[in-house]
Amino acid sequence: MDLPNQSGFQSVIKARNLRMTNQRRQILQVLQESDEHLDAEAIYDRVRQKDARVSLATVYRSLTLFKNLGLVDERNLGEDYRRFETAQDEPHYHFTCLACRKVIEFNAPEIEQKIIPQIEAQGLKVTEAHLIVSGYCADCQRDQTRGKKHADTHLRIPNQTNLR
């Protein structure tokens, strides 16, 4: 999945007669460089390390602008807050670990190939598809079997035979 470079972002912003301010550039850079799906406060913290003059309000306004321009995607991953990532051409989905809160991206071509056509066959127009999958990552499952507990969440893995 190719991410747009800074000049690609800048051309989209300039095409709308907007300015690519230093703060906007830094926010986009944080998103591009991150391997994580960050919430607004985490983006703010990282940008403030580069420029202490950036406000949380600027981060929120910029994220809203970027979302409206199609540069950034806002994700609800089953939590009480939203996370952000740079927009990507290929659809992908997210698994959130209930214990460590790690977000793992995965592809599911079956959604585009089978599920969306079934929905559209009913006369509906799909513009976006979100799949929220949560459970326990391999590391947390392994930690549980070794008797380790996470500080924030007690991991309870159901008996696998109950899942079938």
C-alpha atoms as a PDB file:
ATOM      1  CA  MET A   1       0.000   0.000   0.000  1.00  0.00           C
ATOM      2  CA  ASP A   2       1.640   3.172  -1.187  1.00  0.00           C
ATOM      3  CA  LEU A   3       1.242   6.246   0.943  1.00  0.00           C
ATOM      4  CA  PRO A   4       1.226   9.664  -0.703  1.00  0.00           C
ATOM      5  CA  ASN A   5       4.372  11.668  -0.129  1.00  0.00           C
ATOM      6  CA  GLN A   6       4.397  15.197   1.268  1.00  0.00           C
ATOM      7  CA  SER A   7       4.270  16.724  -2.228  1.00  0.00           C
ATOM      8  CA  GLY A   8       1.183  14.608  -3.006  1.00  0.00           C
ATOM      9  CA  PHE A   9      -0.518  15.893   0.136  1.00  0.00           C
ATOM     10  CA  GLN A  10       0.561  19.419  -0.691  1.00  0.00           C
ATOM     11  CA  SER A  11      -0.876  19.260  -4.218  1.00  0.00           C
ATOM     12  CA  VAL A  12      -4.271  18.112  -2.870  1.00  0.00           C
ATOM     13  CA  ILE A  13      -4.295  20.955  -0.354  1.00  0.00           C
ATOM     14  CA  LYS A  14      -3.184  23.578  -2.901  1.00  0.00           C
ATOM     15  CA  ALA A  15      -5.812  22.364  -5.395  1.00  0.00           C
ATOM     16  CA  ARG A  16      -8.417  23.489  -2.847  1.00  0.00           C
ATOM     17  CA  ASN A  17      -6.726  26.895  -2.485  1.00  0.00           C
ATOM     18  CA  LEU A  18      -5.554  26.050   1.028  1.00  0.00           C
ATOM     19  CA  ARG A  19      -2.119  26.514   2.554  1.00  0.00           C
ATOM     20  CA  MET A  20       0.194  23.713   3.597  1.00  0.00           C
ATOM     21  CA  THR A  21       1.206  25.256   6.906  1.00  0.00           C
ATOM     22  CA  ASN A  22       4.113  23.982   8.922  1.00  0.00           C
ATOM     23  CA  GLN A  23       1.685  22.577  11.523  1.00  0.00           C
ATOM     24  CA  ARG A  24      -0.307  20.691   8.866  1.00  0.00           C
ATOM     25  CA  ARG A  25       2.897  19.334   7.383  1.00  0.00           C
ATOM     26  CA  GLN A  26       4.052  18.096  10.792  1.00  0.00           C
ATOM     27  CA  ILE A  27       0.713  16.420  11.548  1.00  0.00           C
ATOM     28  CA  LEU A  28       0.760  14.595   8.213  1.00  0.00           C
ATOM     29  CA  GLN A  29       4.381  13.615   8.784  1.00  0.00           C
ATOM     30  CA  VAL A  30       3.527  12.093  12.172  1.00  0.00           C
ATOM     31  CA  LEU A  31       0.752  10.049  10.566  1.00  0.00           C
ATOM     32  CA  GLN A  32       2.960   8.912   7.689  1.00  0.00           C
ATOM     33  CA  GLU A  33       5.821   7.874   9.956  1.00  0.00           C
ATOM     34  CA  SER A  34       3.700   6.010  12.480  1.00  0.00           C
ATOM     35  CA  ASP A  35       3.216   2.253  12.395  1.00  0.00           C
ATOM     36  CA  GLU A  36       0.325   2.738  14.817  1.00  0.00           C
ATOM     37  CA  HIS A  37      -3.213   4.049  14.490  1.00  0.00           C
ATOM     38  CA  LEU A  38      -2.978   7.204  16.579  1.00  0.00           C
ATOM     39  CA  ASP A  39      -5.706   9.151  18.315  1.00  0.00           C
ATOM     40  CA  ALA A  40      -5.695  12.962  18.168  1.00  0.00           C
ATOM     41  CA  GLU A  41      -3.983  13.306  21.544  1.00  0.00           C
ATOM     42  CA  ALA A  42      -1.139  10.970  20.547  1.00  0.00           C
ATOM     43  CA  ILE A  43      -0.682  12.927  17.307  1.00  0.00           C
ATOM     44  CA  TYR A  44      -0.658  16.134  19.346  1.00  0.00           C
ATOM     45  CA  ASP A  45       1.992  14.746  21.720  1.00  0.00           C
ATOM     46  CA  ARG A  46       4.258  13.744  18.833  1.00  0.00           C
ATOM     47  CA  VAL A  47       3.853  17.016  16.959  1.00  0.00           C
ATOM     48  CA  ARG A  48       4.544  18.995  20.165  1.00  0.00           C
ATOM     49  CA  GLN A  49       7.926  17.271  20.407  1.00  0.00           C
ATOM     50  CA  LYS A  50       8.817  19.059  17.156  1.00  0.00           C
ATOM     51  CA  ASP A  51       6.924  22.312  17.705  1.00  0.00           C
ATOM     52  CA  ALA A  52       5.668  23.307  21.154  1.00  0.00           C
ATOM     53  CA  ARG A  53       3.469  26.040  19.641  1.00  0.00           C
ATOM     54  CA  VAL A  54       1.012  23.570  18.081  1.00  0.00           C
ATOM     55  CA  SER A  55      -2.299  23.369  19.946  1.00  0.00           C
ATOM     56  CA  LEU A  56      -4.627  20.405  20.352  1.00  0.00           C
ATOM     57  CA  ALA A  57      -7.319  22.464  18.593  1.00  0.00           C
ATOM     58  CA  THR A  58      -5.020  22.830  15.569  1.00  0.00           C
ATOM     59  CA  VAL A  59      -4.545  19.067  15.484  1.00  0.00           C
ATOM     60  CA  TYR A  60      -8.314  18.458  15.595  1.00  0.00           C
ATOM     61  CA  ARG A  61      -9.028  21.112  12.924  1.00  0.00           C
ATOM     62  CA  SER A  62      -6.283  19.735  10.681  1.00  0.00           C
ATOM     63  CA  LEU A  63      -7.481  16.143  11.071  1.00  0.00           C
ATOM     64  CA  THR A  64     -11.010  17.224  10.126  1.00  0.00           C
ATOM     65  CA  LEU A  65      -9.674  19.047   7.074  1.00  0.00           C
ATOM     66  CA  PHE A  66      -7.510  16.107   6.023  1.00  0.00           C
ATOM     67  CA  LYS A  67     -10.431  13.734   6.451  1.00  0.00           C
ATOM     68  CA  ASN A  68     -12.668  15.964   4.310  1.00  0.00           C
ATOM     69  CA  LEU A  69      -9.957  16.115   1.634  1.00  0.00           C
ATOM     70  CA  GLY A  70      -9.601  12.317   1.620  1.00  0.00           C
ATOM     71  CA  LEU A  71      -6.016  12.402   2.904  1.00  0.00           C
ATOM     72  CA  VAL A  72      -6.729  10.790   6.278  1.00  0.00           C
ATOM     73  CA  ASP A  73      -9.123   8.095   7.422  1.00  0.00           C
ATOM     74  CA  GLU A  74     -10.791   8.246  10.812  1.00  0.00           C
ATOM     75  CA  ARG A  75     -11.372   4.848  12.410  1.00  0.00           C
ATOM     76  CA  ASN A  76     -13.615   3.702  15.206  1.00  0.00           C
ATOM     77  CA  LEU A  77     -11.963   0.511  16.389  1.00  0.00           C
ATOM     78  CA  GLY A  78     -14.485  -0.333  19.080  1.00  0.00           C
ATOM     79  CA  GLU A  79     -13.105   2.144  21.593  1.00  0.00           C
ATOM     80  CA  ASP A  80     -14.421   5.366  23.096  1.00  0.00           C
ATOM     81  CA  TYR A  81     -12.208   7.453  20.829  1.00  0.00           C
ATOM     82  CA  ARG A  82     -11.228   7.663  17.170  1.00  0.00           C
ATOM     83  CA  ARG A  83      -7.923   6.772  15.607  1.00  0.00           C
ATOM     84  CA  PHE A  84      -6.405   8.166  12.433  1.00  0.00           C
ATOM     85  CA  GLU A  85      -4.253   6.892   9.600  1.00  0.00           C
ATOM     86  CA  THR A  86      -3.277   8.207   6.189  1.00  0.00           C
ATOM     87  CA  ALA A  87      -5.796   7.239   3.526  1.00  0.00           C
ATOM     88  CA  GLN A  88      -4.865   4.151   1.555  1.00  0.00           C
ATOM     89  CA  ASP A  89      -5.990   3.008  -1.870  1.00  0.00           C
ATOM     90  CA  GLU A  90      -6.522  -0.635  -0.972  1.00  0.00           C
ATOM     91  CA  PRO A  91      -9.262  -1.556   1.510  1.00  0.00           C
ATOM     92  CA  HIS A  92      -8.060  -3.139   4.708  1.00  0.00           C
ATOM     93  CA  TYR A  93      -9.555  -3.957   8.079  1.00  0.00           C
ATOM     94  CA  HIS A  94      -8.502  -3.856  11.713  1.00  0.00           C
ATOM     95  CA  PHE A  95      -8.242  -6.313  14.575  1.00  0.00           C
ATOM     96  CA  THR A  96      -7.977  -4.759  18.064  1.00  0.00           C
ATOM     97  CA  CYS A  97      -6.536  -6.778  20.943  1.00  0.00           C
ATOM     98  CA  LEU A  98      -8.754  -6.437  23.998  1.00  0.00           C
ATOM     99  CA  ALA A  99      -5.802  -6.861  26.361  1.00  0.00           C
ATOM    100  CA  CYS A 100      -2.922  -4.782  24.990  1.00  0.00           C
ATOM    101  CA  ARG A 101      -4.999  -2.580  22.594  1.00  0.00           C
ATOM    102  CA  LYS A 102      -2.648  -3.357  19.700  1.00  0.00           C
ATOM    103  CA  VAL A 103      -4.249  -2.774  16.286  1.00  0.00           C
ATOM    104  CA  ILE A 104      -3.387  -5.264  13.557  1.00  0.00           C
ATOM    105  CA  GLU A 105      -4.305  -4.557   9.939  1.00  0.00           C
ATOM    106  CA  PHE A 106      -5.436  -7.358   7.645  1.00  0.00           C
ATOM    107  CA  ASN A 107      -6.814  -7.736   4.143  1.00  0.00           C
ATOM    108  CA  ALA A 108     -10.136  -9.437   3.491  1.00  0.00           C
ATOM    109  CA  PRO A 109     -10.795  -9.504  -0.253  1.00  0.00           C
ATOM    110  CA  GLU A 110     -13.873 -11.624   0.400  1.00  0.00           C
ATOM    111  CA  ILE A 111     -15.662  -8.516   1.672  1.00  0.00           C
ATOM    112  CA  GLU A 112     -15.220  -6.722  -1.657  1.00  0.00           C
ATOM    113  CA  GLN A 113     -15.776  -9.884  -3.710  1.00  0.00           C
ATOM    114  CA  LYS A 114     -18.759 -11.445  -1.920  1.00  0.00           C
ATOM    115  CA  ILE A 115     -20.364  -9.344   0.785  1.00  0.00           C
ATOM    116  CA  ILE A 116     -20.553  -5.944  -0.914  1.00  0.00           C
ATOM    117  CA  PRO A 117     -22.100  -7.384  -4.135  1.00  0.00           C
ATOM    118  CA  GLN A 118     -24.746  -9.105  -1.995  1.00  0.00           C
ATOM    119  CA  ILE A 119     -25.587  -5.806  -0.327  1.00  0.00           C
ATOM    120  CA  GLU A 120     -25.654  -3.902  -3.609  1.00  0.00           C
ATOM    121  CA  ALA A 121     -27.894  -6.592  -5.136  1.00  0.00           C
ATOM    122  CA  GLN A 122     -30.534  -5.334  -2.704  1.00  0.00           C
ATOM    123  CA  GLY A 123     -30.449  -1.902  -4.344  1.00  0.00           C
ATOM    124  CA  LEU A 124     -28.087  -0.323  -1.809  1.00  0.00           C
ATOM    125  CA  LYS A 125     -24.967   1.682  -2.678  1.00  0.00           C
ATOM    126  CA  VAL A 126     -21.945   0.865  -0.519  1.00  0.00           C
ATOM    127  CA  THR A 127     -19.570   3.812  -0.122  1.00  0.00           C
ATOM    128  CA  GLU A 128     -17.497   2.433   2.749  1.00  0.00           C
ATOM    129  CA  ALA A 129     -17.140  -0.849   4.571  1.00  0.00           C
ATOM    130  CA  HIS A 130     -15.872  -1.145   8.121  1.00  0.00           C
ATOM    131  CA  LEU A 131     -15.306  -4.386   9.926  1.00  0.00           C
ATOM    132  CA  ILE A 132     -14.592  -4.275  13.648  1.00  0.00           C
ATOM    133  CA  VAL A 133     -12.849  -7.416  14.812  1.00  0.00           C
ATOM    134  CA  SER A 134     -11.621  -7.723  18.363  1.00  0.00           C
ATOM    135  CA  GLY A 135     -10.148 -10.479  20.447  1.00  0.00           C
ATOM    136  CA  TYR A 136      -6.721 -11.417  21.769  1.00  0.00           C
ATOM    137  CA  CYS A 137      -3.466 -11.196  19.842  1.00  0.00           C
ATOM    138  CA  ALA A 138      -1.011 -14.074  19.804  1.00  0.00           C
ATOM    139  CA  ASP A 139       1.317 -12.363  22.314  1.00  0.00           C
ATOM    140  CA  CYS A 140      -1.468 -11.837  24.866  1.00  0.00           C
ATOM    141  CA  GLN A 141      -2.714 -15.398  24.444  1.00  0.00           C
ATOM    142  CA  ARG A 142       0.822 -16.671  24.999  1.00  0.00           C
ATOM    143  CA  ASP A 143       1.248 -14.413  28.059  1.00  0.00           C
ATOM    144  CA  GLN A 144      -2.009 -15.736  29.528  1.00  0.00           C
ATOM    145  CA  THR A 145      -0.911 -19.347  29.167  1.00  0.00           C
ATOM    146  CA  ARG A 146       2.332 -18.420  30.953  1.00  0.00           C
ATOM    147  CA  GLY A 147       0.415 -16.800  33.804  1.00  0.00           C
ATOM    148  CA  LYS A 148       1.268 -13.204  32.933  1.00  0.00           C
ATOM    149  CA  LYS A 149      -1.461 -10.599  33.251  1.00  0.00           C
ATOM    150  CA  HIS A 150      -1.754  -7.234  31.594  1.00  0.00           C
ATOM    151  CA  ALA A 151      -2.061  -4.323  33.987  1.00  0.00           C
ATOM    152  CA  ASP A 152      -5.024  -2.728  32.227  1.00  0.00           C
ATOM    153  CA  THR A 153      -7.130  -5.743  31.289  1.00  0.00           C
ATOM    154  CA  HIS A 154      -7.610  -9.209  32.677  1.00  0.00           C
ATOM    155  CA  LEU A 155      -7.411 -11.547  29.727  1.00  0.00           C
ATOM    156  CA  ARG A 156     -10.072 -14.224  29.602  1.00  0.00           C
ATOM    157  CA  ILE A 157      -9.804 -16.517  26.619  1.00  0.00           C
ATOM    158  CA  PRO A 158     -12.868 -18.722  26.133  1.00  0.00           C
ATOM    159  CA  ASN A 159     -12.503 -22.433  25.677  1.00  0.00           C
ATOM    160  CA  GLN A 160     -11.855 -22.948  21.974  1.00  0.00           C
ATOM    161  CA  THR A 161     -14.494 -25.698  21.741  1.00  0.00           C
ATOM    162  CA  ASN A 162     -17.169 -23.140  22.717  1.00  0.00           C
ATOM    163  CA  LEU A 163     -16.308 -21.034  19.687  1.00  0.00           C
ATOM    164  CA  ARG A 164     -17.278 -23.655  17.100  1.00  0.00           C
END
